Amino acid sequence: MLYDPAPRRPMSPGERWTAGGFLLLLFGLFIADVLVPFEPRKLAFPLLLLFWAPALVIHECGHALAAKLVGWRVTQMVLGLGPELFRFRVGETRVVVRALLAEGYVVPTPRSGELARAKSAFVYAAGPLAELLVAAVIALAWGWDPFFVQTDDYALIASQSAALALTFGGLTNLVPHALAGAPNDGLGILRAGSLTEAHFAYLAAAAATRSVDEALHAGDFERAQGEAEAAIAALPENAHAALLQVRVLSARGETDAATEALEALRETAPRDALMEAELLHVAALIALDSQDTDLLGHALHAVQAAIRVSGPAARFEATRGALLYEQGRMGEAFDALQRAYKSTRDAILEDHCVAYLTMVTQALGRTEDYTRFARELTRRGTHAHLRRKLAAHGGAGPGTGGPLAP
């Protein structure tokens, strides 16, 4: 996919009203077309859209069930995009429901490396296959021949729309492509055979990493420490789990202890590319947390080395953008942060990008962009480190109080 050079900016209130009005107009025209003159078969498309959400749930449950069947853990299932509506737990799985039920993902965690590649391919395939299986069951329940005819029977129209939504979702997910830097199901199946042990070691610690990220994002260092200790206890040989303790020490301002722990880990960690990139990235994060001039001088080289080793992951680009900001290289910082902001759908990483883009656009004198990002910042939670940085920056946003206050 080609890189889109257009910057990603939050919508202004005027643009939100314009977009909302345009969507309402389209919706009104659509309803009018369905109702005048009304025919039952005109309900097929509205029902197709309506059944997209249940199809998404079936798809993600297929992934989760497959992961359970092969003995993996499922620690999180996310349904939808945008603002979080609510969350709940099903056993050890945290289910997060967001506003726009257009896509989702699960976080499977392998318990061991046994047959991990085959299991990974099976888990990837299970989502689309679950949709296609349910669609086939619906068609067979009606009978193959009666199902594929135009009709005015409401129940049959609803069944046809549901089956079409399921089939479309299943087939499109099997077409290999990357989405926001991550492989979709089709690409994941193709890549499964080439995955390394290092990948599965990283994946085994992914759930704990997310828990620590969320705790640090909220400034809850005690919870972050508990999550890191639990990860190390559960995965004593996993260097990615050990790296979480370094992250917590750094966030708590214990820079010397974090640096010593990182250096000790360098001596024992596997020397694979993925681990090397993570070690370099955490070294850069320690510099950002500490604001130590000497560390900051080397941090940009570290994160650039991480990008060379593993490719331009969004979180590496976001850290690179923050370090460029610290060096006063605002134009380059804007470009790096934009690349990260445009290629991620992770709420925590988006918060990081929005906070730094607020400061960068103000420093660049880009008033309109600054106003947009500052307004967006008021809608978001921000990592404790970023709150301190924003307070030290001393900017004032639009409206009363300004979003740059701690």
Protein backbone atom coordinates (compact mmCIF):
# COMPACT_ATOMS: atom_id res chain seq x y z
CA MET A 1 0.00 0.00 0.00
CA LEU A 2 1.37 3.42 -0.92
CA TYR A 3 2.06 5.93 1.83
CA ASP A 4 -0.56 8.67 2.01
CA PRO A 5 1.30 11.99 2.37
CA ALA A 6 -1.76 13.92 3.61
CA PRO A 7 -1.39 14.62 7.36
CA ARG A 8 -3.87 13.07 9.75
CA ARG A 9 -5.61 15.83 11.69
CA PRO A 10 -8.53 15.75 14.13
CA MET A 11 -11.70 17.21 12.65
CA SER A 12 -12.67 20.73 13.67
CA PRO A 13 -16.16 21.30 15.17
CA GLY A 14 -17.28 22.80 11.87
CA GLU A 15 -16.06 19.77 9.95
CA ARG A 16 -17.77 17.45 12.42
CA TRP A 17 -21.08 19.27 11.94
CA THR A 18 -20.64 19.27 8.16
CA ALA A 19 -19.79 15.57 8.06
CA GLY A 20 -22.65 14.76 10.43
CA GLY A 21 -25.10 16.78 8.35
CA PHE A 22 -23.92 15.14 5.13
CA LEU A 23 -24.31 11.67 6.65
CA LEU A 24 -27.79 12.54 7.91
CA LEU A 25 -28.71 13.76 4.43
CA LEU A 26 -27.46 10.54 2.86
CA PHE A 27 -29.29 8.52 5.49
CA GLY A 28 -32.50 10.44 4.81
CA LEU A 29 -32.21 9.90 1.06
CA PHE A 30 -31.51 6.23 1.66
CA ILE A 31 -34.58 5.83 3.88
CA ALA A 32 -36.72 7.68 1.33
CA ASP A 33 -35.52 5.35 -1.41
CA VAL A 34 -36.41 2.32 0.71
CA LEU A 35 -39.87 3.59 1.67
CA VAL A 36 -41.05 5.18 -1.60
CA PRO A 37 -42.30 2.99 -3.14
CA PHE A 38 -41.82 0.35 -0.47
CA GLU A 39 -41.01 -3.24 -1.39
CA PRO A 40 -39.83 -5.84 1.14
CA ARG A 41 -36.78 -6.70 -0.98
CA LYS A 42 -35.53 -3.12 -0.52
CA LEU A 43 -34.74 -4.05 3.07
CA ALA A 44 -31.90 -6.30 1.92
CA PHE A 45 -29.18 -3.64 1.98
CA PRO A 46 -30.16 -2.04 5.33
CA LEU A 47 -30.24 -5.51 6.84
CA LEU A 48 -26.83 -6.28 5.32
CA LEU A 49 -25.40 -3.28 7.18
CA LEU A 50 -27.23 -4.25 10.34
CA PHE A 51 -25.83 -7.78 10.28
CA TRP A 52 -22.24 -6.57 9.94
CA ALA A 53 -21.93 -6.23 13.72
CA PRO A 54 -23.09 -9.81 14.48
CA ALA A 55 -20.79 -11.03 11.71
CA LEU A 56 -17.88 -9.25 13.41
CA VAL A 57 -18.71 -10.92 16.72
CA ILE A 58 -18.85 -14.34 15.04
CA HIS A 59 -15.52 -13.65 13.32
CA GLU A 60 -13.68 -12.68 16.50
CA CYS A 61 -15.28 -15.49 18.49
CA GLY A 62 -14.00 -17.87 15.81
CA HIS A 63 -10.46 -16.67 16.45
CA ALA A 64 -10.93 -16.92 20.21
CA LEU A 65 -12.44 -20.41 20.10
CA ALA A 66 -9.66 -21.67 17.84
CA ALA A 67 -7.03 -20.26 20.19
CA LYS A 68 -8.68 -22.03 23.11
CA LEU A 69 -8.89 -25.29 21.14
CA VAL A 70 -5.13 -25.31 20.51
CA GLY A 71 -4.39 -24.55 24.16
CA TRP A 72 -3.58 -20.85 23.87
CA ARG A 73 -4.87 -18.14 26.16
CA VAL A 74 -7.10 -15.33 24.92
CA THR A 75 -6.54 -12.30 27.12
CA GLN A 76 -8.39 -9.65 25.15
CA MET A 77 -11.02 -9.25 22.44
CA VAL A 78 -11.70 -5.81 20.96
CA LEU A 79 -14.87 -5.25 18.96
CA GLY A 80 -15.02 -2.06 16.91
CA LEU A 81 -13.14 1.20 16.44
CA GLY A 82 -13.30 4.59 18.09
CA PRO A 83 -14.28 5.52 21.66
CA GLU A 84 -14.76 2.70 24.13
CA LEU A 85 -18.40 2.11 25.11
CA PHE A 86 -18.00 -0.57 27.76
CA ARG A 87 -15.97 -3.62 28.72
CA PHE A 88 -16.62 -6.90 30.50
CA ARG A 89 -14.88 -10.20 31.19
CA VAL A 90 -15.58 -13.72 30.01
CA GLY A 91 -13.29 -15.89 32.11
CA GLU A 92 -9.76 -14.56 31.59
CA THR A 93 -10.73 -12.69 28.42
CA ARG A 94 -11.39 -8.97 28.62
CA VAL A 95 -13.92 -7.91 25.98
CA VAL A 96 -13.82 -4.24 24.90
CA VAL A 97 -16.70 -2.84 22.83
CA ARG A 98 -16.09 0.36 20.87
CA ALA A 99 -18.42 2.74 19.09
CA LEU A 100 -18.05 1.66 15.45
CA LEU A 101 -18.45 -2.09 15.03
CA ALA A 102 -16.55 -2.25 11.75
CA GLU A 103 -13.57 -4.44 12.69
CA GLY A 104 -11.89 -5.98 15.71
CA TYR A 105 -9.13 -8.25 16.94
CA VAL A 106 -8.25 -10.79 19.62
CA VAL A 107 -4.99 -11.16 21.56
CA PRO A 108 -4.06 -14.87 21.67
CA THR A 109 -1.12 -15.86 23.85
CA PRO A 110 0.74 -19.14 23.21
CA ARG A 111 1.54 -21.22 26.27
CA SER A 112 4.42 -23.01 24.54
CA GLY A 113 6.24 -23.14 21.23
CA GLU A 114 4.93 -26.62 20.35
CA LEU A 115 3.46 -26.61 16.81
CA ALA A 116 3.18 -22.84 17.18
CA ARG A 117 3.29 -22.09 13.44
CA ALA A 118 0.49 -24.52 12.59
CA LYS A 119 -1.57 -23.28 15.52
CA SER A 120 -1.05 -19.68 14.46
CA ALA A 121 -2.30 -20.44 10.92
CA PHE A 122 -5.33 -22.23 12.37
CA VAL A 123 -6.17 -19.31 14.67
CA TYR A 124 -5.87 -16.84 11.78
CA ALA A 125 -8.08 -19.00 9.53
CA ALA A 126 -10.74 -19.65 12.16
CA GLY A 127 -12.29 -16.16 12.04
CA PRO A 128 -13.18 -16.14 8.32
CA LEU A 129 -14.07 -19.84 8.41
CA ALA A 130 -16.50 -19.25 11.28
CA GLU A 131 -18.31 -16.62 9.20
CA LEU A 132 -18.41 -18.83 6.10
CA LEU A 133 -19.62 -21.80 8.13
CA VAL A 134 -22.50 -19.86 9.70
CA ALA A 135 -23.44 -18.45 6.26
CA ALA A 136 -23.54 -21.99 4.84
CA VAL A 137 -25.69 -23.21 7.73
CA ILE A 138 -28.19 -20.39 7.13
CA ALA A 139 -28.38 -21.23 3.41
CA LEU A 140 -28.78 -24.95 4.04
CA ALA A 141 -31.48 -24.33 6.63
CA TRP A 142 -33.65 -22.72 3.94
CA GLY A 143 -32.65 -25.19 1.24
CA TRP A 144 -30.03 -24.39 -1.35
CA ASP A 145 -32.35 -23.63 -4.29
CA PRO A 146 -35.02 -21.53 -2.48
CA PHE A 147 -32.32 -19.49 -0.77
CA PHE A 148 -30.89 -17.99 -3.98
CA VAL A 149 -34.03 -16.33 -5.35
CA GLN A 150 -35.55 -12.87 -5.04
CA THR A 151 -38.40 -12.87 -2.57
CA ASP A 152 -40.73 -10.67 -0.55
CA ASP A 153 -40.60 -13.00 2.45
CA TYR A 154 -39.19 -10.95 5.33
CA ALA A 155 -37.55 -13.87 7.13
CA LEU A 156 -35.85 -15.09 3.96
CA ILE A 157 -34.66 -11.56 3.10
CA ALA A 158 -33.16 -11.22 6.57
CA SER A 159 -31.46 -14.61 6.25
CA GLN A 160 -30.06 -13.75 2.83
CA SER A 161 -28.69 -10.45 4.14
CA ALA A 162 -27.10 -12.13 7.15
CA ALA A 163 -25.49 -14.80 4.97
CA LEU A 164 -24.19 -12.17 2.54
CA ALA A 165 -22.66 -10.10 5.36
CA LEU A 166 -20.97 -13.20 6.75
CA THR A 167 -19.71 -14.35 3.34
CA PHE A 168 -18.40 -10.92 2.39
CA GLY A 169 -16.62 -10.54 5.73
CA GLY A 170 -15.11 -14.01 5.55
CA LEU A 171 -13.86 -13.75 1.97
CA THR A 172 -12.44 -10.22 2.25
CA ASN A 173 -10.49 -11.22 5.35
CA LEU A 174 -8.91 -14.09 3.42
CA VAL A 175 -7.52 -11.71 0.77
CA PRO A 176 -3.94 -11.08 2.01
CA HIS A 177 -3.13 -7.49 2.93
CA ALA A 178 -1.73 -5.45 5.83
CA LEU A 179 -3.97 -3.18 7.88
CA ALA A 180 -2.43 -0.43 10.04
CA GLY A 181 0.89 -2.25 9.77
CA ALA A 182 -0.51 -5.61 10.93
CA PRO A 183 -1.31 -8.62 8.71
CA ASN A 184 -4.95 -9.47 8.14
CA ASP A 185 -6.11 -13.08 8.40
CA GLY A 186 -5.14 -14.04 4.86
CA LEU A 187 -1.66 -12.58 5.15
CA GLY A 188 -1.30 -14.05 8.64
CA ILE A 189 -2.02 -17.53 7.29
CA LEU A 190 0.60 -17.12 4.57
CA ARG A 191 3.22 -15.81 6.99
CA ALA A 192 2.57 -18.35 9.75
CA GLY A 193 5.01 -20.89 8.35
CA SER A 194 7.90 -18.42 8.47
CA LEU A 195 7.32 -17.15 12.02
CA THR A 196 10.27 -17.59 14.35
CA GLU A 197 10.54 -18.68 17.97
CA ALA A 198 11.40 -15.07 18.76
CA HIS A 199 8.00 -13.99 17.43
CA PHE A 200 6.16 -16.41 19.70
CA ALA A 201 8.27 -15.35 22.69
CA TYR A 202 7.20 -11.77 21.99
CA LEU A 203 3.58 -12.88 21.56
CA ALA A 204 3.64 -14.78 24.85
CA ALA A 205 4.37 -11.52 26.69
CA ALA A 206 2.00 -9.37 24.61
CA ALA A 207 -0.92 -9.47 27.04
CA ALA A 208 1.27 -8.54 30.00
CA THR A 209 2.89 -5.78 27.95
CA ARG A 210 -0.52 -4.32 27.20
CA SER A 211 -1.52 -4.45 30.88
CA VAL A 212 1.66 -2.62 31.88
CA ASP A 213 1.14 -0.07 29.10
CA GLU A 214 -2.38 0.66 30.34
CA ALA A 215 -1.26 1.00 33.95
CA LEU A 216 1.59 3.36 33.03
CA HIS A 217 -0.73 5.32 30.79
CA ALA A 218 -3.01 5.90 33.77
CA GLY A 219 -0.05 6.76 36.01
CA ASP A 220 -0.79 3.75 38.23
CA PHE A 221 2.77 2.65 38.96
CA GLU A 222 1.74 0.21 41.68
CA ARG A 223 -0.50 -1.70 39.27
CA ALA A 224 2.19 -1.57 36.58
CA GLN A 225 4.71 -3.03 39.04
CA GLY A 226 2.28 -5.81 39.96
CA GLU A 227 1.62 -6.65 36.31
CA ALA A 228 5.35 -6.74 35.55
CA GLU A 229 6.08 -9.01 38.51
CA ALA A 230 3.23 -11.34 37.54
CA ALA A 231 4.56 -11.54 33.98
CA ILE A 232 8.07 -12.39 35.17
CA ALA A 233 6.69 -15.06 37.50
CA ALA A 234 4.59 -16.60 34.71
CA LEU A 235 7.33 -16.32 32.05
CA PRO A 236 10.64 -16.55 33.93
CA GLU A 237 12.68 -17.29 30.78
CA ASN A 238 11.04 -14.64 28.62
CA ALA A 239 13.21 -11.54 28.09
CA HIS A 240 10.22 -9.52 26.89
CA ALA A 241 8.55 -10.07 30.26
CA ALA A 242 11.75 -9.05 32.07
CA LEU A 243 11.83 -5.89 29.98
CA LEU A 244 8.54 -4.79 31.54
CA GLN A 245 10.28 -4.31 34.89
CA VAL A 246 12.73 -1.94 33.18
CA ARG A 247 9.81 0.03 31.73
CA VAL A 248 8.22 0.42 35.17
CA LEU A 249 11.47 1.52 36.83
CA SER A 250 11.96 4.11 34.10
CA ALA A 251 8.42 5.47 34.37
CA ARG A 252 8.82 5.81 38.14
CA GLY A 253 11.87 8.00 37.66
CA GLU A 254 14.36 5.36 38.81
CA THR A 255 16.63 6.02 35.84
CA ASP A 256 19.83 4.49 37.23
CA ALA A 257 18.04 1.31 38.28
CA ALA A 258 16.30 1.07 34.90
CA THR A 259 19.57 1.58 33.03
CA GLU A 260 21.36 -1.04 35.14
CA ALA A 261 18.52 -3.53 34.66
CA LEU A 262 18.55 -2.92 30.91
CA GLU A 263 22.30 -3.47 30.69
CA ALA A 264 21.99 -6.68 32.71
CA LEU A 265 19.24 -7.87 30.40
CA ARG A 266 21.40 -7.17 27.36
CA GLU A 267 23.87 -9.75 28.69
CA THR A 268 21.28 -12.53 28.94
CA ALA A 269 18.59 -11.75 26.36
CA PRO A 270 18.42 -13.73 23.09
CA ARG A 271 20.27 -11.98 20.27
CA ASP A 272 17.44 -12.06 17.76
CA ALA A 273 16.41 -8.99 15.75
CA LEU A 274 13.08 -8.56 17.51
CA MET A 275 14.64 -8.58 20.97
CA GLU A 276 17.42 -6.25 19.86
CA ALA A 277 14.86 -3.75 18.56
CA GLU A 278 12.94 -3.89 21.84
CA LEU A 279 16.10 -3.31 23.89
CA LEU A 280 17.02 -0.30 21.76
CA HIS A 281 13.50 1.10 21.99
CA VAL A 282 13.36 0.78 25.78
CA ALA A 283 16.73 2.56 26.01
CA ALA A 284 15.14 5.45 24.11
CA LEU A 285 12.09 5.40 26.40
CA ILE A 286 14.35 5.63 29.47
CA ALA A 287 15.88 8.78 28.00
CA LEU A 288 12.44 10.28 27.33
CA ASP A 289 11.22 9.49 30.83
CA SER A 290 14.33 10.88 32.51
CA GLN A 291 14.93 13.90 30.26
CA ASP A 292 18.62 13.28 31.00
CA THR A 293 20.66 15.29 28.49
CA ASP A 294 23.36 12.65 28.09
CA LEU A 295 20.84 9.85 27.57
CA LEU A 296 18.78 11.92 25.14
CA GLY A 297 21.90 12.47 23.06
CA HIS A 298 22.13 8.74 22.32
CA ALA A 299 18.42 7.88 22.37
CA LEU A 300 17.62 9.02 18.83
CA HIS A 301 20.39 6.78 17.46
CA ALA A 302 18.97 3.90 19.50
CA VAL A 303 15.42 4.19 18.18
CA GLN A 304 16.67 4.70 14.62
CA ALA A 305 18.68 1.50 15.03
CA ALA A 306 15.51 -0.24 16.27
CA ILE A 307 13.71 0.89 13.11
CA ARG A 308 16.56 -0.40 10.93
CA VAL A 309 16.47 -3.75 12.71
CA SER A 310 12.73 -4.41 12.68
CA GLY A 311 11.17 -1.89 10.30
CA PRO A 312 9.20 1.33 10.92
CA ALA A 313 6.72 0.14 13.56
CA ALA A 314 4.30 2.88 14.65
CA ARG A 315 5.50 2.88 18.27
CA PHE A 316 9.13 3.25 17.18
CA GLU A 317 8.20 6.14 14.88
CA ALA A 318 6.24 7.77 17.72
CA THR A 319 9.25 7.57 20.03
CA ARG A 320 11.49 8.88 17.26
CA GLY A 321 9.14 11.82 16.78
CA ALA A 322 9.22 12.61 20.49
CA LEU A 323 13.03 12.54 20.52
CA LEU A 324 13.21 14.81 17.47
CA TYR A 325 10.94 17.22 19.34
CA GLU A 326 13.35 17.17 22.29
CA GLN A 327 16.17 18.11 19.89
CA GLY A 328 14.16 20.98 18.43
CA ARG A 329 13.90 19.36 14.99
CA MET A 330 10.21 20.20 14.69
CA GLY A 331 9.67 19.54 11.00
CA GLU A 332 11.16 16.05 11.22
CA ALA A 333 9.28 15.44 14.47
CA PHE A 334 5.98 16.33 12.79
CA ASP A 335 6.67 13.90 9.92
CA ALA A 336 7.63 11.02 12.23
CA LEU A 337 4.67 11.57 14.56
CA GLN A 338 2.32 11.78 11.58
CA ARG A 339 3.61 8.45 10.25
CA ALA A 340 2.94 6.88 13.63
CA TYR A 341 -0.45 8.55 14.08
CA LYS A 342 -1.65 7.48 10.64
CA SER A 343 -0.49 3.87 10.95
CA THR A 344 -1.85 2.99 14.40
CA ARG A 345 -5.26 2.33 15.88
CA ASP A 346 -3.92 1.84 19.37
CA ALA A 347 -5.55 4.38 21.70
CA ILE A 348 -2.51 4.75 23.97
CA LEU A 349 -0.15 5.36 21.07
CA GLU A 350 -2.62 7.81 19.55
CA ASP A 351 -2.62 9.74 22.84
CA HIS A 352 1.17 9.96 22.70
CA CYS A 353 1.07 11.22 19.11
CA VAL A 354 -1.67 13.78 19.77
CA ALA A 355 0.16 15.18 22.81
CA TYR A 356 3.43 15.64 20.95
CA LEU A 357 1.74 16.88 17.77
CA THR A 358 0.05 19.54 19.89
CA MET A 359 3.43 20.80 21.07
CA VAL A 360 5.11 20.41 17.68
CA THR A 361 2.44 22.29 15.73
CA GLN A 362 2.52 25.12 18.29
CA ALA A 363 6.31 25.33 17.98
CA LEU A 364 5.99 25.39 14.19
CA GLY A 365 3.42 28.18 14.36
CA ARG A 366 0.82 26.07 12.57
CA THR A 367 -2.12 27.66 14.36
CA GLU A 368 -4.94 25.75 12.70
CA ASP A 369 -3.29 22.35 13.22
CA TYR A 370 -2.35 23.28 16.79
CA THR A 371 -5.96 24.22 17.57
CA ARG A 372 -7.21 20.91 16.19
CA PHE A 373 -4.70 18.79 18.10
CA ALA A 374 -5.10 20.81 21.31
CA ARG A 375 -8.86 20.35 21.17
CA GLU A 376 -8.43 16.63 20.52
CA LEU A 377 -6.06 16.44 23.49
CA THR A 378 -8.81 17.64 25.83
CA ARG A 379 -10.81 14.54 24.87
CA ARG A 380 -8.03 12.11 25.72
CA GLY A 381 -6.23 10.71 28.73
CA THR A 382 -2.48 11.20 28.73
CA HIS A 383 0.47 9.28 30.15
CA ALA A 384 1.89 10.73 33.38
CA HIS A 385 5.20 11.49 31.62
CA LEU A 386 3.33 13.41 28.92
CA ARG A 387 1.34 15.37 31.50
CA ARG A 388 4.60 16.57 33.01
CA LYS A 389 5.97 17.39 29.59
CA LEU A 390 2.83 19.31 28.62
CA ALA A 391 2.90 21.26 31.87
CA ALA A 392 6.56 22.15 31.34
CA HIS A 393 5.79 23.14 27.75
CA GLY A 394 3.44 25.76 29.18
CA GLY A 395 1.17 26.02 26.15
CA ALA A 396 -2.45 27.13 26.37
CA GLY A 397 -5.09 25.56 24.24
CA PRO A 398 -8.34 26.91 22.88
CA GLY A 399 -11.16 27.54 25.25
CA THR A 400 -10.92 27.94 28.99
CA GLY A 401 -8.13 26.29 30.91
CA GLY A 402 -6.35 24.96 27.83
CA PRO A 403 -5.53 21.30 27.26
CA LEU A 404 -1.86 21.68 28.07
CA ALA A 405 -2.46 22.14 31.77
CA PRO A 406 -1.62 19.10 33.91
